[in-house]
Structure formats: structure tokens, C-alpha cells
N, C-alpha and C. Protein backbone atom coordinates (compact mmCIF):
# COMPACT_ATOMS: atom_id res chain seq x y z
N MET A 1 43.05 -27.29 217.36
CA MET A 1 44.23 -26.97 217.87
C MET A 1 44.74 -26.18 216.92
N ASP A 2 45.29 -24.99 217.04
CA ASP A 2 46.22 -23.74 216.17
C ASP A 2 47.66 -24.36 215.71
N LEU A 3 48.25 -23.93 214.98
CA LEU A 3 49.50 -23.97 214.61
C LEU A 3 50.43 -24.17 215.62
N SER A 4 50.71 -23.25 216.33
CA SER A 4 51.37 -22.87 217.33
C SER A 4 51.42 -24.01 218.44
N SER A 5 50.40 -24.29 218.62
CA SER A 5 50.09 -25.51 219.64
C SER A 5 50.67 -27.16 218.98
N GLU A 6 50.40 -27.11 217.84
CA GLU A 6 50.75 -28.30 216.91
C GLU A 6 52.41 -28.23 216.84
N LEU A 7 52.91 -27.13 216.46
CA LEU A 7 54.38 -27.36 216.40
C LEU A 7 54.94 -27.65 217.73
N LEU A 8 54.48 -27.17 218.93
CA LEU A 8 54.86 -27.32 220.30
C LEU A 8 54.88 -28.68 220.52
N GLU A 9 53.69 -29.24 220.35
CA GLU A 9 53.37 -30.79 220.53
C GLU A 9 54.20 -31.70 220.00
N VAL A 10 54.75 -31.16 218.53
CA VAL A 10 55.40 -32.07 217.90
C VAL A 10 56.91 -31.97 218.16
N LEU A 11 57.65 -30.74 218.68
CA LEU A 11 58.60 -30.58 218.89
C LEU A 11 59.00 -31.39 220.47
N GLU A 12 57.67 -31.36 221.42
CA GLU A 12 57.80 -31.88 222.81
C GLU A 12 57.81 -33.78 222.87
N GLN A 13 56.87 -33.99 222.02
CA GLN A 13 56.50 -35.29 221.89
C GLN A 13 56.62 -35.96 220.55
N GLY A 14 56.58 -35.29 219.56
CA GLY A 14 57.00 -36.15 218.12
C GLY A 14 57.98 -36.97 217.91
N THR A 15 58.05 -37.82 217.06
CA THR A 15 58.85 -38.75 216.84
C THR A 15 60.55 -38.03 216.46
N GLU A 16 61.37 -38.79 216.11
CA GLU A 16 63.07 -38.29 215.49
C GLU A 16 62.38 -38.09 213.99
N GLU A 17 61.37 -38.57 213.30
CA GLU A 17 61.43 -38.30 211.98
C GLU A 17 60.43 -37.24 211.64
N GLU A 18 59.16 -36.95 212.58
CA GLU A 18 58.55 -35.72 212.58
C GLU A 18 59.66 -34.06 212.86
N LYS A 19 60.27 -34.49 213.95
CA LYS A 19 61.16 -33.27 214.19
C LYS A 19 61.97 -33.00 213.07
N GLU A 20 62.61 -33.96 212.55
CA GLU A 20 63.37 -33.80 210.98
C GLU A 20 62.90 -33.25 210.14
N ILE A 21 61.52 -33.71 210.03
CA ILE A 21 60.68 -32.71 208.95
C ILE A 21 60.65 -31.28 209.42
N LEU A 22 60.42 -30.95 210.52
CA LEU A 22 60.20 -29.44 211.19
C LEU A 22 61.41 -28.87 210.76
N ALA A 23 62.39 -29.68 211.04
CA ALA A 23 63.66 -29.18 210.95
C ALA A 23 64.06 -28.77 209.34
N LEU A 24 63.67 -29.62 208.29
CA LEU A 24 63.69 -29.39 206.98
C LEU A 24 62.72 -28.23 206.46
N ALA A 25 61.92 -28.10 207.44
CA ALA A 25 60.89 -26.79 207.18
C ALA A 25 61.46 -25.74 207.02
N MET A 26 62.09 -25.82 208.31
CA MET A 26 62.97 -24.26 208.60
C MET A 26 63.92 -24.23 208.10
N GLN A 27 64.62 -25.01 207.62
CA GLN A 27 66.09 -24.77 206.76
C GLN A 27 65.25 -24.47 205.37
N ALA A 28 64.25 -24.92 204.62
CA ALA A 28 63.59 -24.44 203.21
C ALA A 28 63.15 -22.63 203.23
N ILE A 29 62.56 -22.48 204.68
CA ILE A 29 62.33 -21.14 204.87
C ILE A 29 63.44 -20.35 205.26
N ARG A 30 64.54 -20.79 205.88
CA ARG A 30 65.97 -20.11 205.93
C ARG A 30 66.46 -20.06 204.26
N GLN A 31 66.51 -20.67 203.66
CA GLN A 31 67.16 -20.76 201.96
C GLN A 31 66.25 -19.78 201.26
N LYS A 32 65.03 -20.00 201.51
CA LYS A 32 64.31 -19.07 200.49
C LYS A 32 64.20 -17.66 201.07
N ARG A 33 64.52 -17.39 202.33
CA ARG A 33 64.90 -15.98 202.50
C ARG A 33 66.39 -15.55 202.21
N GLU A 34 67.09 -16.15 202.38
CA GLU A 34 68.71 -16.30 202.00
C GLU A 34 69.08 -16.39 200.57
N ARG A 35 68.52 -16.76 199.46
CA ARG A 35 69.25 -17.27 198.39
C ARG A 35 67.83 -16.96 197.59
N ASN A 36 66.41 -16.67 198.28
CA ASN A 36 65.51 -17.17 197.33
C ASN A 36 65.19 -18.08 196.15
N SER A 37 65.70 -19.11 196.62
CA SER A 37 65.37 -20.63 196.28
C SER A 37 64.16 -20.97 196.32
N ALA A 38 63.46 -22.01 195.46
CA ALA A 38 62.49 -22.89 195.97
C ALA A 38 62.47 -23.69 197.09
N TYR A 39 61.03 -23.34 197.66
CA TYR A 39 60.89 -24.14 199.31
C TYR A 39 61.61 -25.87 198.97
N LEU A 40 61.27 -26.34 197.54
CA LEU A 40 61.61 -27.68 197.43
C LEU A 40 63.22 -27.47 197.75
N SER A 41 64.13 -26.87 197.23
CA SER A 41 65.52 -26.81 196.73
C SER A 41 65.97 -26.78 198.80
N GLY A 42 65.06 -26.25 199.52
CA GLY A 42 65.85 -25.99 200.88
C GLY A 42 65.09 -27.27 201.87
N PHE A 43 64.02 -27.84 201.43
CA PHE A 43 63.62 -29.18 201.94
C PHE A 43 64.62 -30.27 201.42
N MET A 44 65.44 -30.27 200.01
CA MET A 44 66.30 -31.07 199.88
C MET A 44 67.74 -30.67 200.35
N GLY A 45 67.90 -29.63 200.46
CA GLY A 45 69.38 -29.51 201.18
C GLY A 45 70.17 -29.32 200.20
N LEU A 46 69.63 -28.34 198.91
CA LEU A 46 70.49 -28.61 197.67
C LEU A 46 71.35 -26.98 198.06
N SER A 47 72.58 -27.60 197.84
CA SER A 47 73.67 -26.30 197.89
C SER A 47 74.83 -27.01 196.51
N GLY A 48 74.88 -26.30 195.54
CA GLY A 48 75.75 -26.96 194.69
C GLY A 48 77.06 -26.07 194.26
N ARG A 49 77.79 -26.80 193.31
CA ARG A 49 79.12 -25.94 193.39
C ARG A 49 79.47 -26.55 191.50
N PHE A 50 80.25 -25.60 191.08
CA PHE A 50 80.90 -26.19 189.65
C PHE A 50 81.90 -27.05 189.68
N VAL A 51 82.18 -28.02 189.14
CA VAL A 51 83.08 -28.83 188.90
C VAL A 51 83.75 -28.38 188.16
N ASP A 52 83.50 -28.15 186.87
CA ASP A 52 84.13 -27.22 185.90
C ASP A 52 83.18 -26.21 185.20
N LYS A 53 83.57 -25.85 183.90
CA LYS A 53 82.55 -24.68 183.59
C LYS A 53 81.09 -25.36 183.04
N ASN A 54 81.53 -26.58 182.29
CA ASN A 54 80.17 -27.26 182.26
C ASN A 54 79.42 -28.55 183.20
N VAL A 55 80.29 -28.46 184.09
CA VAL A 55 79.55 -29.57 185.07
C VAL A 55 79.50 -28.99 186.44
N TYR A 56 78.29 -29.20 186.74
CA TYR A 56 77.70 -28.82 188.13
C TYR A 56 77.16 -29.70 189.02
N GLU A 57 77.24 -29.67 190.45
CA GLU A 57 77.21 -30.93 190.99
C GLU A 57 76.53 -30.56 192.59
N PHE A 58 75.36 -31.34 192.87
CA PHE A 58 74.65 -31.49 194.35
C PHE A 58 75.52 -32.40 195.03
N ARG A 59 75.57 -32.45 196.03
CA ARG A 59 75.60 -33.44 197.17
C ARG A 59 74.47 -33.66 198.24
N VAL A 60 74.04 -34.34 198.58
CA VAL A 60 72.42 -34.22 199.25
C VAL A 60 72.22 -35.07 200.44
N PRO A 61 71.95 -34.86 201.58
CA PRO A 61 71.74 -36.29 202.21
C PRO A 61 70.37 -36.67 202.11
N VAL A 62 70.14 -37.96 202.30
CA VAL A 62 69.04 -38.73 201.90
C VAL A 62 68.27 -38.59 203.59
N THR A 63 67.17 -37.86 203.06
CA THR A 63 66.44 -37.35 204.68
C THR A 63 65.07 -38.27 204.77
N SER A 64 64.19 -38.16 205.49
CA SER A 64 62.98 -38.85 205.73
C SER A 64 62.17 -38.49 204.46
N PHE A 65 62.24 -36.89 204.36
CA PHE A 65 61.30 -36.31 203.65
C PHE A 65 61.23 -37.08 202.02
N MET A 66 62.59 -37.37 201.73
CA MET A 66 62.89 -37.92 200.45
C MET A 66 62.31 -39.47 200.05
N LYS A 67 61.86 -40.15 201.52
CA LYS A 67 61.66 -41.84 201.36
C LYS A 67 60.19 -41.75 200.93
N ASN A 68 60.23 -42.75 200.21
CA ASN A 68 58.56 -43.29 199.93
C ASN A 68 58.46 -44.54 200.82
N ARG A 69 57.10 -44.72 200.76
CA ARG A 69 56.57 -45.92 202.03
C ARG A 69 57.78 -47.33 202.08
N ALA A 70 58.41 -47.30 200.87
CA ALA A 70 59.21 -48.81 200.79
C ALA A 70 60.78 -48.20 201.43
N GLY A 71 60.89 -47.08 201.80
CA GLY A 71 62.01 -46.56 202.42
C GLY A 71 63.11 -46.20 201.52
N ILE A 72 62.86 -45.97 199.97
CA ILE A 72 63.97 -45.57 199.47
C ILE A 72 63.67 -44.46 198.81
N VAL A 73 64.62 -43.80 198.08
CA VAL A 73 64.34 -42.66 197.54
C VAL A 73 63.06 -42.53 196.43
N HIS A 74 61.96 -41.70 197.13
CA HIS A 74 60.98 -41.43 195.93
C HIS A 74 61.35 -41.25 194.61
N GLY A 75 60.69 -41.72 193.56
CA GLY A 75 61.03 -41.40 192.23
C GLY A 75 60.90 -40.04 191.72
N GLY A 76 59.69 -39.48 192.37
CA GLY A 76 59.72 -38.18 192.04
C GLY A 76 60.55 -37.06 192.60
N ILE A 77 61.20 -37.24 193.80
CA ILE A 77 62.53 -36.53 194.62
C ILE A 77 63.61 -36.81 193.35
N THR A 78 63.61 -38.15 192.98
CA THR A 78 64.86 -38.41 192.24
C THR A 78 64.76 -37.12 191.00
N ALA A 79 63.53 -37.42 190.55
CA ALA A 79 63.35 -36.39 189.35
C ALA A 79 63.67 -35.11 189.65
N SER A 80 63.13 -34.43 190.75
CA SER A 80 63.29 -33.00 190.84
C SER A 80 64.53 -32.80 191.20
N LEU A 81 65.91 -33.80 191.51
CA LEU A 81 66.92 -33.63 192.17
C LEU A 81 67.70 -33.42 190.55
N ALA A 82 67.32 -34.19 189.84
CA ALA A 82 68.12 -34.35 188.20
C ALA A 82 67.68 -32.91 187.52
N ASP A 83 66.28 -32.62 187.86
CA ASP A 83 65.99 -31.09 186.93
C ASP A 83 66.55 -30.23 187.78
N SER A 84 66.63 -30.04 189.20
CA SER A 84 67.46 -29.17 189.93
C SER A 84 68.68 -29.08 189.34
N THR A 85 69.25 -29.92 189.43
CA THR A 85 70.73 -29.70 189.11
C THR A 85 71.24 -29.52 187.86
N ILE A 86 70.59 -30.01 186.73
CA ILE A 86 70.76 -29.51 185.51
C ILE A 86 70.26 -27.89 185.21
N GLY A 87 68.89 -27.74 186.02
CA GLY A 87 68.24 -26.18 185.93
C GLY A 87 69.51 -25.20 186.49
N SER A 88 70.30 -25.63 187.63
CA SER A 88 71.00 -24.63 188.22
C SER A 88 72.21 -24.68 186.98
N LEU A 89 72.55 -25.40 186.68
CA LEU A 89 73.67 -25.40 185.61
C LEU A 89 73.70 -24.47 184.61
N ILE A 90 72.27 -25.00 183.97
CA ILE A 90 71.77 -24.06 182.77
C ILE A 90 71.85 -22.45 182.93
N ASN A 91 71.19 -22.37 184.34
CA ASN A 91 70.51 -20.99 184.92
C ASN A 91 71.80 -20.19 185.10
N LYS A 92 72.64 -20.82 186.12
CA LYS A 92 73.93 -19.79 185.95
C LYS A 92 75.11 -19.81 184.55
N ARG A 93 74.82 -20.31 183.76
CA ARG A 93 75.23 -20.18 182.46
C ARG A 93 74.59 -19.35 181.40
N VAL A 94 73.45 -19.05 181.38
CA VAL A 94 72.75 -17.90 180.55
C VAL A 94 73.24 -16.74 180.88
N PRO A 95 73.30 -15.81 179.86
CA PRO A 95 73.58 -13.97 180.08
C PRO A 95 72.77 -14.01 181.15
N GLU A 96 73.17 -12.67 181.55
CA GLU A 96 72.45 -11.75 182.60
C GLU A 96 71.07 -11.39 181.87
N GLY A 97 70.04 -11.38 182.74
CA GLY A 97 68.64 -10.92 182.28
C GLY A 97 68.06 -12.19 181.56
N TYR A 98 68.49 -13.15 181.85
CA TYR A 98 68.00 -14.54 181.08
C TYR A 98 68.06 -15.33 182.43
N GLY A 99 67.13 -16.38 182.08
CA GLY A 99 66.66 -17.81 182.78
C GLY A 99 66.40 -18.80 181.85
N ALA A 100 66.13 -19.65 182.65
CA ALA A 100 65.56 -21.27 181.56
C ALA A 100 64.73 -22.11 182.55
N VAL A 101 63.89 -22.65 181.77
CA VAL A 101 62.86 -23.71 182.36
C VAL A 101 62.89 -24.80 181.74
N THR A 102 62.38 -25.84 182.48
CA THR A 102 62.60 -27.02 181.65
C THR A 102 61.37 -27.40 180.55
N THR A 103 61.86 -28.07 179.45
CA THR A 103 60.82 -27.92 178.60
C THR A 103 60.49 -29.78 178.41
N GLU A 104 61.51 -30.21 178.51
CA GLU A 104 61.73 -31.88 178.65
C GLU A 104 62.70 -32.42 179.58
N LEU A 105 61.99 -33.49 180.03
CA LEU A 105 63.11 -34.37 180.96
C LEU A 105 62.80 -35.88 180.89
N LYS A 106 63.44 -36.76 181.02
CA LYS A 106 63.47 -37.71 180.63
C LYS A 106 64.65 -38.61 181.70
N LEU A 107 64.27 -39.38 182.39
CA LEU A 107 64.76 -40.41 183.13
C LEU A 107 64.95 -41.68 183.08
N ASN A 108 66.02 -42.59 183.62
CA ASN A 108 65.81 -44.07 183.47
C ASN A 108 66.47 -44.14 184.95
N TYR A 109 65.33 -44.81 185.68
CA TYR A 109 65.51 -45.32 186.98
C TYR A 109 66.77 -46.52 186.93
N LEU A 110 67.59 -46.81 187.61
CA LEU A 110 68.49 -47.87 187.22
C LEU A 110 68.66 -48.78 188.76
N LYS A 111 68.78 -48.05 189.75
CA LYS A 111 68.60 -48.87 191.18
C LYS A 111 67.70 -47.84 192.18
N PRO A 112 67.34 -48.60 193.14
CA PRO A 112 66.59 -47.64 194.25
C PRO A 112 67.94 -46.96 194.82
N GLY A 113 67.10 -45.58 194.94
CA GLY A 113 68.25 -44.74 196.17
C GLY A 113 67.92 -44.93 197.52
N ARG A 114 69.31 -45.52 197.87
CA ARG A 114 69.52 -46.25 199.23
C ARG A 114 70.50 -45.31 199.95
N GLY A 115 70.91 -45.43 201.06
CA GLY A 115 71.84 -44.81 201.52
C GLY A 115 71.83 -43.45 202.29
N GLN A 116 72.88 -42.87 202.47
CA GLN A 116 73.30 -41.65 203.52
C GLN A 116 73.24 -40.28 202.81
N GLU A 117 73.81 -40.63 201.27
CA GLU A 117 73.92 -39.09 200.65
C GLU A 117 73.84 -39.35 198.90
N LEU A 118 73.22 -38.58 198.32
CA LEU A 118 73.26 -38.91 196.97
C LEU A 118 74.09 -37.58 196.16
N THR A 119 74.66 -37.92 195.31
CA THR A 119 75.58 -37.13 194.57
C THR A 119 74.65 -36.85 193.06
N SER A 120 74.43 -35.34 192.63
CA SER A 120 73.98 -35.47 191.28
C SER A 120 74.96 -34.50 190.69
N ARG A 121 75.09 -34.96 189.52
CA ARG A 121 76.18 -34.43 188.39
C ARG A 121 75.38 -33.97 187.28
N ALA A 122 75.40 -32.55 186.68
CA ALA A 122 74.84 -32.20 185.24
C ALA A 122 76.15 -31.81 184.71
N VAL A 123 75.99 -32.73 183.26
CA VAL A 123 76.84 -32.27 182.52
C VAL A 123 76.46 -31.66 181.11
N LEU A 124 76.81 -30.12 180.82
CA LEU A 124 76.09 -29.31 179.56
C LEU A 124 76.61 -30.22 178.33
N VAL A 125 75.34 -30.36 177.47
CA VAL A 125 75.61 -30.82 176.08
C VAL A 125 75.71 -30.05 175.15
N HIS A 126 74.63 -28.74 175.32
CA HIS A 126 74.56 -27.65 174.22
C HIS A 126 73.71 -26.70 174.76
N MET A 127 74.31 -25.59 174.23
CA MET A 127 73.83 -24.44 174.98
C MET A 127 73.62 -23.32 173.85
N GLY A 128 72.73 -23.21 173.49
CA GLY A 128 71.92 -22.53 172.07
C GLY A 128 71.70 -20.99 172.61
N ARG A 129 70.87 -20.33 171.96
CA ARG A 129 70.50 -19.08 172.27
C ARG A 129 69.06 -19.17 172.77
N SER A 130 68.43 -20.23 172.73
CA SER A 130 67.00 -20.81 173.12
C SER A 130 66.89 -21.58 173.73
N LEU A 131 67.75 -22.37 173.45
CA LEU A 131 67.48 -24.06 174.15
C LEU A 131 68.92 -24.40 174.74
N ALA A 132 68.61 -25.02 175.74
CA ALA A 132 70.29 -25.70 176.04
C ALA A 132 69.70 -27.06 176.61
N VAL A 133 70.75 -28.19 176.74
CA VAL A 133 70.54 -29.49 176.66
C VAL A 133 71.79 -29.80 177.70
N ALA A 134 71.29 -30.77 178.81
CA ALA A 134 72.44 -31.40 179.43
C ALA A 134 71.87 -32.46 180.14
N THR A 135 72.66 -33.46 180.49
CA THR A 135 72.84 -34.80 180.98
C THR A 135 72.77 -34.72 182.31
N CYS A 136 72.34 -35.84 183.23
CA CYS A 136 72.78 -35.76 184.65
C CYS A 136 73.02 -37.23 185.12
N GLU A 137 73.71 -37.43 186.13
CA GLU A 137 73.76 -38.95 186.66
C GLU A 137 73.94 -38.49 188.08
N ILE A 138 73.07 -39.51 188.71
CA ILE A 138 72.87 -39.49 190.34
C ILE A 138 72.98 -40.78 190.94
N SER A 139 74.30 -40.78 191.72
CA SER A 139 74.62 -41.79 192.28
C SER A 139 74.52 -42.03 193.79
N ASP A 140 74.34 -42.99 194.83
CA ASP A 140 74.87 -42.97 195.99
C ASP A 140 76.07 -42.79 196.62
N GLU A 141 76.16 -42.98 197.63
CA GLU A 141 77.90 -42.68 198.44
C GLU A 141 78.71 -43.67 198.27
N ARG A 142 78.11 -44.95 197.44
CA ARG A 142 79.07 -46.11 197.25
C ARG A 142 79.73 -45.87 195.60
N GLY A 143 79.05 -45.06 195.16
CA GLY A 143 79.18 -45.04 193.57
C GLY A 143 78.06 -45.52 192.74
N ASN A 144 77.29 -46.21 193.25
CA ASN A 144 76.38 -47.02 192.47
C ASN A 144 75.19 -46.02 191.49
N LEU A 145 75.01 -46.14 190.28
CA LEU A 145 74.45 -45.15 189.63
C LEU A 145 72.70 -45.84 189.79
N ILE A 146 72.11 -44.45 190.21
CA ILE A 146 70.82 -44.90 190.68
C ILE A 146 69.92 -44.42 189.42
N CYS A 147 70.32 -42.96 188.62
CA CYS A 147 69.55 -42.27 187.95
C CYS A 147 70.36 -41.87 186.69
N ILE A 148 70.00 -41.90 185.25
CA ILE A 148 70.50 -41.28 184.61
C ILE A 148 69.45 -40.22 183.66
N ALA A 149 69.48 -39.16 183.26
CA ALA A 149 68.60 -37.90 182.96
C ALA A 149 69.31 -37.03 181.66
N SER A 150 68.34 -36.75 181.08
CA SER A 150 68.76 -35.72 180.31
C SER A 150 67.28 -35.01 180.03
N ALA A 151 67.77 -33.52 179.71
CA ALA A 151 66.92 -32.53 180.01
C ALA A 151 67.18 -31.40 178.69
N THR A 152 66.22 -30.58 178.47
CA THR A 152 65.95 -29.51 177.31
C THR A 152 65.48 -28.50 178.37
N PHE A 153 66.16 -27.23 178.08
CA PHE A 153 65.73 -26.16 178.82
C PHE A 153 65.37 -24.96 177.73
N PHE A 154 64.34 -24.44 177.96
CA PHE A 154 64.18 -22.88 177.26
C PHE A 154 64.54 -21.75 177.67
N ILE A 155 65.43 -20.97 176.82
CA ILE A 155 66.13 -20.06 177.55
C ILE A 155 65.22 -18.66 177.32
N LEU A 156 64.82 -17.65 178.23
CA LEU A 156 63.91 -16.76 178.23
C LEU A 156 64.76 -15.50 178.97
N ARG A 157 64.00 -14.13 178.17
CA ARG A 157 64.41 -12.94 178.64
C ARG A 157 63.20 -12.84 180.22
N LYS A 158 64.38 -12.41 181.36
CA LYS A 158 63.63 -12.54 182.74
C LYS A 158 62.63 -11.19 182.35
N ARG A 159 61.34 -11.02 183.14
CA ARG A 159 60.40 -10.26 183.16
C ARG A 159 60.64 -9.06 184.46
């Protein structure tokens, strides 16, 4: 069966979860085209905002894509969310012509990721010429803290 036939079959006969995954794939493709973001950002529905100059936040819906077999947010997705939130904060703060990449990421998982939405908030701790450090807290919509993270990013000149 070719890809077009498979897609049509899922659209016509697939489960709601399968249709949700296809919709998320289309969202990821649109975000890549419009913002040149990573596909993972599109799958997770990342769209952030500055809360203030040193605080950046994402609010993301919990989707089937994010859940593990136990029905909670997969730890790797939680880590990616923390990394993406911190990375977005730092990359929006570096000078023109520079970017930043993760050199260290540490997480403490406190509670299972459940519910309909997660909020991930990164706070800048240090911004140097070659290294930046930030922390991140991820909470569910009830305010339950599910993860805390800290990360160091290396700042480099873009090629």
C-alpha cells in the first residue's frame, strides 16, 4: 500500500487517536514551513511568550503523541519540553548572529504528567559570552509541579 492510500485509510477508518497524530504531523509541517522550527516543536504545539525579559513560557496541550503506554506524559517529551523552553529563552536573548545549544540538562521528575495542558516556564540564571544557564519548571493545569530542570547552553556564532 502506498502512502496516499494509507493516509486516506486512516482518515476514513482510523481511530480518533490516529487522526489526532495525523493532524499533529500536519501542524509540525506547517510550523516548519512558517517558522523553520523543529518538527518536534510542531508535534508538541510549541508557541511561547516572554513573561518578562528573563522568563519564557510555553503552554502546551497534552496529546496522544506525548503519552506513554501508562497514559502519562512520556519522560522524554517532558525533557524535550524543558530543553525547548530553556533553549527558546536563551536563543531569543543571544546577540544577532549567535545561537545556543544544550551542553547539559538535568531533570527531576516530581509527579506524573497528567491532565489537559502543561505549562513550562524557564528563568534565566546566567548569561555569559560563551555559556548561559537557566532553570525550568513544568506544571499541569492544576498547578501541580511535575518536573524541575536546569540546563547549560553553549553560545556559538552561526555559520
